[in-house]
Every structure is written in C-alpha cells, then in structure tokens.
mmCIF file of all heavy atoms, coordinates in Angstrom:
data_MODEL
# 
_entry.id   MODEL 
# 
loop_
_atom_site.group_PDB 
_atom_site.id 
_atom_site.type_symbol 
_atom_site.label_atom_id 
_atom_site.label_alt_id 
_atom_site.label_comp_id 
_atom_site.label_asym_id 
_atom_site.label_entity_id 
_atom_site.label_seq_id 
_atom_site.pdbx_PDB_ins_code 
_atom_site.Cartn_x 
_atom_site.Cartn_y 
_atom_site.Cartn_z 
_atom_site.occupancy 
_atom_site.B_iso_or_equiv 
_atom_site.pdbx_formal_charge 
_atom_site.auth_seq_id 
_atom_site.auth_comp_id 
_atom_site.auth_asym_id 
_atom_site.auth_atom_id 
_atom_site.pdbx_PDB_model_num 
ATOM 1   N N   . ARG A 1 1  ? -16.973 -6.345  -2.032  1.00 0.00 ? 1  ARG A N   1 
ATOM 2   C CA  . ARG A 1 1  ? -17.831 -7.532  -2.143  1.00 0.00 ? 1  ARG A CA  1 
ATOM 3   C C   . ARG A 1 1  ? -17.878 -8.323  -0.837  1.00 0.00 ? 1  ARG A C   1 
ATOM 4   O O   . ARG A 1 1  ? -17.860 -9.565  -0.825  1.00 0.00 ? 1  ARG A O   1 
ATOM 5   C CB  . ARG A 1 1  ? -17.364 -8.420  -3.299  1.00 0.00 ? 1  ARG A CB  1 
ATOM 6   C CG  . ARG A 1 1  ? -17.368 -7.702  -4.646  1.00 0.00 ? 1  ARG A CG  1 
ATOM 7   C CD  . ARG A 1 1  ? -16.880 -8.565  -5.773  1.00 0.00 ? 1  ARG A CD  1 
ATOM 8   N NE  . ARG A 1 1  ? -16.716 -7.774  -6.992  1.00 0.00 ? 1  ARG A NE  1 
ATOM 9   C CZ  . ARG A 1 1  ? -16.336 -8.277  -8.158  1.00 0.00 ? 1  ARG A CZ  1 
ATOM 10  N NH1 . ARG A 1 1  ? -16.059 -9.568  -8.276  1.00 0.00 ? 1  ARG A NH1 1 
ATOM 11  N NH2 . ARG A 1 1  ? -16.207 -7.488  -9.210  1.00 0.00 ? 1  ARG A NH2 1 
ATOM 12  N N   . GLY A 1 2  ? -17.904 -7.583  0.269   1.00 0.00 ? 2  GLY A N   1 
ATOM 13  C CA  . GLY A 1 2  ? -18.067 -8.210  1.569   1.00 0.00 ? 2  GLY A CA  1 
ATOM 14  C C   . GLY A 1 2  ? -16.833 -8.826  2.173   1.00 0.00 ? 2  GLY A C   1 
ATOM 15  O O   . GLY A 1 2  ? -16.908 -9.501  3.197   1.00 0.00 ? 2  GLY A O   1 
ATOM 16  N N   . GLU A 1 3  ? -15.652 -8.585  1.566   1.00 0.00 ? 3  GLU A N   1 
ATOM 17  C CA  . GLU A 1 3  ? -14.412 -9.156  2.077   1.00 0.00 ? 3  GLU A CA  1 
ATOM 18  C C   . GLU A 1 3  ? -13.366 -8.061  2.247   1.00 0.00 ? 3  GLU A C   1 
ATOM 19  O O   . GLU A 1 3  ? -13.292 -7.129  1.435   1.00 0.00 ? 3  GLU A O   1 
ATOM 20  C CB  . GLU A 1 3  ? -13.871 -10.232 1.125   1.00 0.00 ? 3  GLU A CB  1 
ATOM 21  C CG  . GLU A 1 3  ? -14.804 -11.427 0.941   1.00 0.00 ? 3  GLU A CG  1 
ATOM 22  C CD  . GLU A 1 3  ? -14.232 -12.448 -0.013  1.00 0.00 ? 3  GLU A CD  1 
ATOM 23  O OE1 . GLU A 1 3  ? -13.439 -12.060 -0.900  1.00 0.00 ? 3  GLU A OE1 1 
ATOM 24  O OE2 . GLU A 1 3  ? -14.570 -13.640 0.120   1.00 0.00 ? 3  GLU A OE2 1 
ATOM 25  N N   . ILE A 1 4  ? -12.548 -8.168  3.292   1.00 0.00 ? 4  ILE A N   1 
ATOM 26  C CA  . ILE A 1 4  ? -11.464 -7.212  3.511   1.00 0.00 ? 4  ILE A CA  1 
ATOM 27  C C   . ILE A 1 4  ? -10.315 -7.584  2.574   1.00 0.00 ? 4  ILE A C   1 
ATOM 28  O O   . ILE A 1 4  ? -9.755  -8.675  2.649   1.00 0.00 ? 4  ILE A O   1 
ATOM 29  C CB  . ILE A 1 4  ? -10.987 -7.232  4.977   1.00 0.00 ? 4  ILE A CB  1 
ATOM 30  C CG1 . ILE A 1 4  ? -12.139 -6.860  5.923   1.00 0.00 ? 4  ILE A CG1 1 
ATOM 31  C CG2 . ILE A 1 4  ? -9.812  -6.268  5.155   1.00 0.00 ? 4  ILE A CG2 1 
ATOM 32  C CD1 . ILE A 1 4  ? -12.689 -5.460  5.733   1.00 0.00 ? 4  ILE A CD1 1 
ATOM 33  N N   . LYS A 1 5  ? -9.972  -6.642  1.698   1.00 0.00 ? 5  LYS A N   1 
ATOM 34  C CA  . LYS A 1 5  ? -8.928  -6.883  0.703   1.00 0.00 ? 5  LYS A CA  1 
ATOM 35  C C   . LYS A 1 5  ? -7.583  -6.281  1.086   1.00 0.00 ? 5  LYS A C   1 
ATOM 36  O O   . LYS A 1 5  ? -6.549  -6.694  0.561   1.00 0.00 ? 5  LYS A O   1 
ATOM 37  C CB  . LYS A 1 5  ? -9.355  -6.306  -0.648  1.00 0.00 ? 5  LYS A CB  1 
ATOM 38  C CG  . LYS A 1 5  ? -10.650 -6.879  -1.190  1.00 0.00 ? 5  LYS A CG  1 
ATOM 39  C CD  . LYS A 1 5  ? -10.525 -8.363  -1.469  1.00 0.00 ? 5  LYS A CD  1 
ATOM 40  C CE  . LYS A 1 5  ? -11.796 -8.920  -2.097  1.00 0.00 ? 5  LYS A CE  1 
ATOM 41  N NZ  . LYS A 1 5  ? -11.696 -10.371 -2.358  1.00 0.00 ? 5  LYS A NZ  1 
ATOM 42  N N   . LEU A 1 6  ? -7.608  -5.306  1.970   1.00 0.00 ? 6  LEU A N   1 
ATOM 43  C CA  . LEU A 1 6  ? -6.385  -4.622  2.369   1.00 0.00 ? 6  LEU A CA  1 
ATOM 44  C C   . LEU A 1 6  ? -6.608  -4.066  3.768   1.00 0.00 ? 6  LEU A C   1 
ATOM 45  O O   . LEU A 1 6  ? -7.683  -3.535  4.061   1.00 0.00 ? 6  LEU A O   1 
ATOM 46  C CB  . LEU A 1 6  ? -6.088  -3.483  1.389   1.00 0.00 ? 6  LEU A CB  1 
ATOM 47  C CG  . LEU A 1 6  ? -4.723  -2.806  1.467   1.00 0.00 ? 6  LEU A CG  1 
ATOM 48  C CD1 . LEU A 1 6  ? -3.628  -3.775  1.048   1.00 0.00 ? 6  LEU A CD1 1 
ATOM 49  C CD2 . LEU A 1 6  ? -4.692  -1.567  0.580   1.00 0.00 ? 6  LEU A CD2 1 
ATOM 50  N N   . TYR A 1 7  ? -5.584  -4.181  4.619   1.00 0.00 ? 7  TYR A N   1 
ATOM 51  C CA  . TYR A 1 7  ? -5.778  -3.767  6.018   1.00 0.00 ? 7  TYR A CA  1 
ATOM 52  C C   . TYR A 1 7  ? -4.427  -3.543  6.666   1.00 0.00 ? 7  TYR A C   1 
ATOM 53  O O   . TYR A 1 7  ? -3.501  -4.346  6.511   1.00 0.00 ? 7  TYR A O   1 
ATOM 54  C CB  . TYR A 1 7  ? -6.551  -4.866  6.761   1.00 0.00 ? 7  TYR A CB  1 
ATOM 55  C CG  . TYR A 1 7  ? -6.501  -4.806  8.269   1.00 0.00 ? 7  TYR A CG  1 
ATOM 56  C CD1 . TYR A 1 7  ? -6.999  -3.712  8.958   1.00 0.00 ? 7  TYR A CD1 1 
ATOM 57  C CD2 . TYR A 1 7  ? -5.961  -5.858  9.004   1.00 0.00 ? 7  TYR A CD2 1 
ATOM 58  C CE1 . TYR A 1 7  ? -6.964  -3.655  10.341  1.00 0.00 ? 7  TYR A CE1 1 
ATOM 59  C CE2 . TYR A 1 7  ? -5.919  -5.826  10.394  1.00 0.00 ? 7  TYR A CE2 1 
ATOM 60  C CZ  . TYR A 1 7  ? -6.420  -4.716  11.055  1.00 0.00 ? 7  TYR A CZ  1 
ATOM 61  O OH  . TYR A 1 7  ? -6.386  -4.665  12.423  1.00 0.00 ? 7  TYR A OH  1 
ATOM 62  N N   . GLY A 1 8  ? -4.280  -2.426  7.372   1.00 0.00 ? 8  GLY A N   1 
ATOM 63  C CA  . GLY A 1 8  ? -3.054  -2.205  8.113   1.00 0.00 ? 8  GLY A CA  1 
ATOM 64  C C   . GLY A 1 8  ? -2.655  -0.744  8.181   1.00 0.00 ? 8  GLY A C   1 
ATOM 65  O O   . GLY A 1 8  ? -3.438  0.160   7.890   1.00 0.00 ? 8  GLY A O   1 
ATOM 66  N N   . GLU A 1 9  ? -1.403  -0.504  8.584   1.00 0.00 ? 9  GLU A N   1 
ATOM 67  C CA  . GLU A 1 9  ? -0.850  0.840   8.654   1.00 0.00 ? 9  GLU A CA  1 
ATOM 68  C C   . GLU A 1 9  ? -0.741  1.414   7.248   1.00 0.00 ? 9  GLU A C   1 
ATOM 69  O O   . GLU A 1 9  ? -0.184  0.778   6.352   1.00 0.00 ? 9  GLU A O   1 
ATOM 70  C CB  . GLU A 1 9  ? 0.541   0.807   9.296   1.00 0.00 ? 9  GLU A CB  1 
ATOM 71  C CG  . GLU A 1 9  ? 0.568   0.388   10.748  1.00 0.00 ? 9  GLU A CG  1 
ATOM 72  C CD  . GLU A 1 9  ? 0.170   1.535   11.670  1.00 0.00 ? 9  GLU A CD  1 
ATOM 73  O OE1 . GLU A 1 9  ? 0.155   2.692   11.180  1.00 0.00 ? 9  GLU A OE1 1 
ATOM 74  O OE2 . GLU A 1 9  ? -0.107  1.275   12.848  1.00 0.00 ? 9  GLU A OE2 1 
ATOM 75  N N   . LEU A 1 10 ? -1.258  2.623   7.067   1.00 0.00 ? 10 LEU A N   1 
ATOM 76  C CA  . LEU A 1 10 ? -1.293  3.201   5.733   1.00 0.00 ? 10 LEU A CA  1 
ATOM 77  C C   . LEU A 1 10 ? 0.107   3.392   5.155   1.00 0.00 ? 10 LEU A C   1 
ATOM 78  O O   . LEU A 1 10 ? 0.358   3.027   3.996   1.00 0.00 ? 10 LEU A O   1 
ATOM 79  C CB  . LEU A 1 10 ? -2.045  4.540   5.762   1.00 0.00 ? 10 LEU A CB  1 
ATOM 80  C CG  . LEU A 1 10 ? -2.172  5.284   4.423   1.00 0.00 ? 10 LEU A CG  1 
ATOM 81  C CD1 . LEU A 1 10 ? -2.758  4.387   3.349   1.00 0.00 ? 10 LEU A CD1 1 
ATOM 82  C CD2 . LEU A 1 10 ? -3.018  6.529   4.603   1.00 0.00 ? 10 LEU A CD2 1 
ATOM 83  N N   . ASP A 1 11 ? 1.025   3.932   5.927   1.00 0.00 ? 11 ASP A N   1 
ATOM 84  C CA  . ASP A 1 11 ? 2.373   4.160   5.410   1.00 0.00 ? 11 ASP A CA  1 
ATOM 85  C C   . ASP A 1 11 ? 3.047   2.848   5.016   1.00 0.00 ? 11 ASP A C   1 
ATOM 86  O O   . ASP A 1 11 ? 3.718   2.768   3.977   1.00 0.00 ? 11 ASP A O   1 
ATOM 87  C CB  . ASP A 1 11 ? 3.227   4.890   6.442   1.00 0.00 ? 11 ASP A CB  1 
ATOM 88  C CG  . ASP A 1 11 ? 2.837   6.354   6.582   1.00 0.00 ? 11 ASP A CG  1 
ATOM 89  O OD1 . ASP A 1 11 ? 2.138   6.866   5.684   1.00 0.00 ? 11 ASP A OD1 1 
ATOM 90  O OD2 . ASP A 1 11 ? 3.221   6.981   7.592   1.00 0.00 ? 11 ASP A OD2 1 
ATOM 91  N N   . SER A 1 12 ? 2.869   1.818   5.831   1.00 0.00 ? 12 SER A N   1 
ATOM 92  C CA  . SER A 1 12 ? 3.470   0.513   5.517   1.00 0.00 ? 12 SER A CA  1 
ATOM 93  C C   . SER A 1 12 ? 2.859   -0.078  4.253   1.00 0.00 ? 12 SER A C   1 
ATOM 94  O O   . SER A 1 12 ? 3.570   -0.662  3.425   1.00 0.00 ? 12 SER A O   1 
ATOM 95  C CB  . SER A 1 12 ? 3.275   -0.452  6.689   1.00 0.00 ? 12 SER A CB  1 
ATOM 96  O OG  . SER A 1 12 ? 3.939   0.011   7.834   1.00 0.00 ? 12 SER A OG  1 
ATOM 97  N N   . LEU A 1 13 ? 1.549   0.068   4.113   1.00 0.00 ? 13 LEU A N   1 
ATOM 98  C CA  . LEU A 1 13 ? 0.878   -0.449  2.925   1.00 0.00 ? 13 LEU A CA  1 
ATOM 99  C C   . LEU A 1 13 ? 1.344   0.274   1.665   1.00 0.00 ? 13 LEU A C   1 
ATOM 100 O O   . LEU A 1 13 ? 1.509   -0.344  0.610   1.00 0.00 ? 13 LEU A O   1 
ATOM 101 C CB  . LEU A 1 13 ? -0.640  -0.328  3.072   1.00 0.00 ? 13 LEU A CB  1 
ATOM 102 C CG  . LEU A 1 13 ? -1.281  -1.227  4.128   1.00 0.00 ? 13 LEU A CG  1 
ATOM 103 C CD1 . LEU A 1 13 ? -2.748  -0.855  4.319   1.00 0.00 ? 13 LEU A CD1 1 
ATOM 104 C CD2 . LEU A 1 13 ? -1.158  -2.691  3.735   1.00 0.00 ? 13 LEU A CD2 1 
ATOM 105 N N   . ARG A 1 14 ? 1.553   1.577   1.770   1.00 0.00 ? 14 ARG A N   1 
ATOM 106 C CA  . ARG A 1 14 ? 2.023   2.341   0.615   1.00 0.00 ? 14 ARG A CA  1 
ATOM 107 C C   . ARG A 1 14 ? 3.403   1.867   0.194   1.00 0.00 ? 14 ARG A C   1 
ATOM 108 O O   . ARG A 1 14 ? 3.689   1.741   -0.994  1.00 0.00 ? 14 ARG A O   1 
ATOM 109 C CB  . ARG A 1 14 ? 2.043   3.833   0.934   1.00 0.00 ? 14 ARG A CB  1 
ATOM 110 C CG  . ARG A 1 14 ? 0.663   4.457   1.051   1.00 0.00 ? 14 ARG A CG  1 
ATOM 111 C CD  . ARG A 1 14 ? 0.742   5.905   1.454   1.00 0.00 ? 14 ARG A CD  1 
ATOM 112 N NE  . ARG A 1 14 ? 1.431   6.689   0.448   1.00 0.00 ? 14 ARG A NE  1 
ATOM 113 C CZ  . ARG A 1 14 ? 1.827   7.951   0.633   1.00 0.00 ? 14 ARG A CZ  1 
ATOM 114 N NH1 . ARG A 1 14 ? 1.622   8.533   1.795   1.00 0.00 ? 14 ARG A NH1 1 
ATOM 115 N NH2 . ARG A 1 14 ? 2.431   8.606   -0.335  1.00 0.00 ? 14 ARG A NH2 1 
ATOM 116 N N   . ARG A 1 15 ? 4.269   1.590   1.157   1.00 0.00 ? 15 ARG A N   1 
ATOM 117 C CA  . ARG A 1 15 ? 5.612   1.100   0.819   1.00 0.00 ? 15 ARG A CA  1 
ATOM 118 C C   . ARG A 1 15 ? 5.557   -0.307  0.259   1.00 0.00 ? 15 ARG A C   1 
ATOM 119 O O   . ARG A 1 15 ? 6.283   -0.647  -0.677  1.00 0.00 ? 15 ARG A O   1 
ATOM 120 C CB  . ARG A 1 15 ? 6.508   1.141   2.059   1.00 0.00 ? 15 ARG A CB  1 
ATOM 121 C CG  . ARG A 1 15 ? 6.904   2.546   2.507   1.00 0.00 ? 15 ARG A CG  1 
ATOM 122 C CD  . ARG A 1 15 ? 8.002   2.496   3.539   1.00 0.00 ? 15 ARG A CD  1 
ATOM 123 N NE  . ARG A 1 15 ? 7.548   1.890   4.774   1.00 0.00 ? 15 ARG A NE  1 
ATOM 124 C CZ  . ARG A 1 15 ? 7.035   2.589   5.793   1.00 0.00 ? 15 ARG A CZ  1 
ATOM 125 N NH1 . ARG A 1 15 ? 6.904   3.892   5.695   1.00 0.00 ? 15 ARG A NH1 1 
ATOM 126 N NH2 . ARG A 1 15 ? 6.649   1.974   6.888   1.00 0.00 ? 15 ARG A NH2 1 
ATOM 127 N N   . LYS A 1 16 ? 4.687   -1.129  0.830   1.00 0.00 ? 16 LYS A N   1 
ATOM 128 C CA  . LYS A 1 16 ? 4.613   -2.531  0.430   1.00 0.00 ? 16 LYS A CA  1 
ATOM 129 C C   . LYS A 1 16 ? 3.907   -2.727  -0.906  1.00 0.00 ? 16 LYS A C   1 
ATOM 130 O O   . LYS A 1 16 ? 4.373   -3.485  -1.769  1.00 0.00 ? 16 LYS A O   1 
ATOM 131 C CB  . LYS A 1 16 ? 3.876   -3.332  1.508   1.00 0.00 ? 16 LYS A CB  1 
ATOM 132 C CG  . LYS A 1 16 ? 3.728   -4.810  1.197   1.00 0.00 ? 16 LYS A CG  1 
ATOM 133 C CD  . LYS A 1 16 ? 2.991   -5.517  2.327   1.00 0.00 ? 16 LYS A CD  1 
ATOM 134 C CE  . LYS A 1 16 ? 2.777   -6.992  2.009   1.00 0.00 ? 16 LYS A CE  1 
ATOM 135 N NZ  . LYS A 1 16 ? 2.035   -7.673  3.087   1.00 0.00 ? 16 LYS A NZ  1 
ATOM 136 N N   . MET A 1 17 ? 2.780   -2.034  -1.076  1.00 0.00 ? 17 MET A N   1 
ATOM 137 C CA  . MET A 1 17 ? 1.955   -2.259  -2.252  1.00 0.00 ? 17 MET A CA  1 
ATOM 138 C C   . MET A 1 17 ? 2.383   -1.415  -3.448  1.00 0.00 ? 17 MET A C   1 
ATOM 139 O O   . MET A 1 17 ? 2.168   -1.797  -4.594  1.00 0.00 ? 17 MET A O   1 
ATOM 140 C CB  . MET A 1 17 ? 0.487   -1.936  -1.938  1.00 0.00 ? 17 MET A CB  1 
ATOM 141 C CG  . MET A 1 17 ? -0.095  -2.736  -0.807  1.00 0.00 ? 17 MET A CG  1 
ATOM 142 S SD  . MET A 1 17 ? -0.249  -4.489  -1.198  1.00 0.00 ? 17 MET A SD  1 
ATOM 143 C CE  . MET A 1 17 ? -1.415  -4.433  -2.565  1.00 0.00 ? 17 MET A CE  1 
ATOM 144 N N   . GLY A 1 18 ? 2.937   -0.248  -3.173  1.00 0.00 ? 18 GLY A N   1 
ATOM 145 C CA  . GLY A 1 18 ? 3.279   0.658   -4.272  1.00 0.00 ? 18 GLY A CA  1 
ATOM 146 C C   . GLY A 1 18 ? 4.664   0.385   -4.826  1.00 0.00 ? 18 GLY A C   1 
ATOM 147 O O   . GLY A 1 18 ? 5.513   -0.247  -4.210  1.00 0.00 ? 18 GLY A O   1 
ATOM 148 N N   . ARG A 1 19 ? 4.885   0.883   -6.015  1.00 0.00 ? 19 ARG A N   1 
ATOM 149 C CA  . ARG A 1 19 ? 6.197   0.777   -6.624  1.00 0.00 ? 19 ARG A CA  1 
ATOM 150 C C   . ARG A 1 19 ? 7.081   1.878   -6.052  1.00 0.00 ? 19 ARG A C   1 
ATOM 151 O O   . ARG A 1 19 ? 6.738   3.049   -6.119  1.00 0.00 ? 19 ARG A O   1 
ATOM 152 C CB  . ARG A 1 19 ? 6.082   0.942   -8.144  1.00 0.00 ? 19 ARG A CB  1 
ATOM 153 C CG  . ARG A 1 19 ? 5.264   -0.159  -8.793  1.00 0.00 ? 19 ARG A CG  1 
ATOM 154 C CD  . ARG A 1 19 ? 5.147   0.028   -10.278 1.00 0.00 ? 19 ARG A CD  1 
ATOM 155 N NE  . ARG A 1 19 ? 4.397   1.235   -10.612 1.00 0.00 ? 19 ARG A NE  1 
ATOM 156 C CZ  . ARG A 1 19 ? 4.036   1.561   -11.841 1.00 0.00 ? 19 ARG A CZ  1 
ATOM 157 N NH1 . ARG A 1 19 ? 4.367   0.772   -12.852 1.00 0.00 ? 19 ARG A NH1 1 
ATOM 158 N NH2 . ARG A 1 19 ? 3.367   2.669   -12.081 1.00 0.00 ? 19 ARG A NH2 1 
ATOM 159 N N   . SER A 1 20 ? 8.223   1.475   -5.486  1.00 0.00 ? 20 SER A N   1 
ATOM 160 C CA  . SER A 1 20 ? 9.141   2.456   -4.937  1.00 0.00 ? 20 SER A CA  1 
ATOM 161 C C   . SER A 1 20 ? 9.810   3.170   -6.090  1.00 0.00 ? 20 SER A C   1 
ATOM 162 O O   . SER A 1 20 ? 10.381  2.538   -6.979  1.00 0.00 ? 20 SER A O   1 
ATOM 163 C CB  . SER A 1 20 ? 10.176  1.754   -4.056  1.00 0.00 ? 20 SER A CB  1 
ATOM 164 O OG  . SER A 1 20 ? 11.096  2.684   -3.559  1.00 0.00 ? 20 SER A OG  1 
ATOM 165 N N   . GLY A 1 21 ? 9.742   4.481   -6.099  1.00 0.00 ? 21 GLY A N   1 
ATOM 166 C CA  . GLY A 1 21 ? 10.265  5.224   -7.228  1.00 0.00 ? 21 GLY A CA  1 
ATOM 167 C C   . GLY A 1 21 ? 11.164  6.358   -6.817  1.00 0.00 ? 21 GLY A C   1 
ATOM 168 O O   . GLY A 1 21 ? 11.283  6.713   -5.641  1.00 0.00 ? 21 GLY A O   1 
ATOM 169 N N   . VAL A 1 22 ? 11.812  6.939   -7.820  1.00 0.00 ? 22 VAL A N   1 
ATOM 170 C CA  . VAL A 1 22 ? 12.655  8.108   -7.650  1.00 0.00 ? 22 VAL A CA  1 
ATOM 171 C C   . VAL A 1 22 ? 12.192  9.144   -8.663  1.00 0.00 ? 22 VAL A C   1 
ATOM 172 O O   . VAL A 1 22 ? 12.040  8.831   -9.850  1.00 0.00 ? 22 VAL A O   1 
ATOM 173 C CB  . VAL A 1 22 ? 14.148  7.770   -7.870  1.00 0.00 ? 22 VAL A CB  1 
ATOM 174 C CG1 . VAL A 1 22 ? 14.987  9.033   -7.874  1.00 0.00 ? 22 VAL A CG1 1 
ATOM 175 C CG2 . VAL A 1 22 ? 14.640  6.800   -6.805  1.00 0.00 ? 22 VAL A CG2 1 
ATOM 176 N N   . VAL A 1 23 ? 11.961  10.353  -8.198  1.00 0.00 ? 23 VAL A N   1 
ATOM 177 C CA  . VAL A 1 23 ? 11.534  11.442  -9.075  1.00 0.00 ? 23 VAL A CA  1 
ATOM 178 C C   . VAL A 1 23 ? 12.584  12.542  -9.017  1.00 0.00 ? 23 VAL A C   1 
ATOM 179 O O   . VAL A 1 23 ? 12.950  13.006  -7.937  1.00 0.00 ? 23 VAL A O   1 
ATOM 180 C CB  . VAL A 1 23 ? 10.159  11.999  -8.667  1.00 0.00 ? 23 VAL A CB  1 
ATOM 181 C CG1 . VAL A 1 23 ? 9.779   13.179  -9.561  1.00 0.00 ? 23 VAL A CG1 1 
ATOM 182 C CG2 . VAL A 1 23 ? 9.092   10.915  -8.749  1.00 0.00 ? 23 VAL A CG2 1 
ATOM 183 N N   . ILE A 1 24 ? 13.059  12.954  -10.195 1.00 0.00 ? 24 ILE A N   1 
ATOM 184 C CA  . ILE A 1 24 ? 14.064  14.008  -10.282 1.00 0.00 ? 24 ILE A CA  1 
ATOM 185 C C   . ILE A 1 24 ? 13.542  15.098  -11.204 1.00 0.00 ? 24 ILE A C   1 
ATOM 186 O O   . ILE A 1 24 ? 13.172  14.827  -12.352 1.00 0.00 ? 24 ILE A O   1 
ATOM 187 C CB  . ILE A 1 24 ? 15.404  13.453  -10.808 1.00 0.00 ? 24 ILE A CB  1 
ATOM 188 C CG1 . ILE A 1 24 ? 15.955  12.423  -9.813  1.00 0.00 ? 24 ILE A CG1 1 
ATOM 189 C CG2 . ILE A 1 24 ? 16.402  14.583  -11.030 1.00 0.00 ? 24 ILE A CG2 1 
ATOM 190 C CD1 . ILE A 1 24 ? 17.230  11.756  -10.255 1.00 0.00 ? 24 ILE A CD1 1 
# 
C-alpha cells in the first residue's frame, strides 16, 4: 500500500522476525 513495511539484511530479518525453533 505504498509504504515500506520491512527492510534490511534477509538473514537478520529472518532471525529477528521469525520464531527461533529447534527441529529434531
């Protein structure tokens, strides 16, 4: 909608925005 909602290094954004999880 004409506004930047997210911006930056992809790896950093994934760590920051996503839930850190453990898969076994």
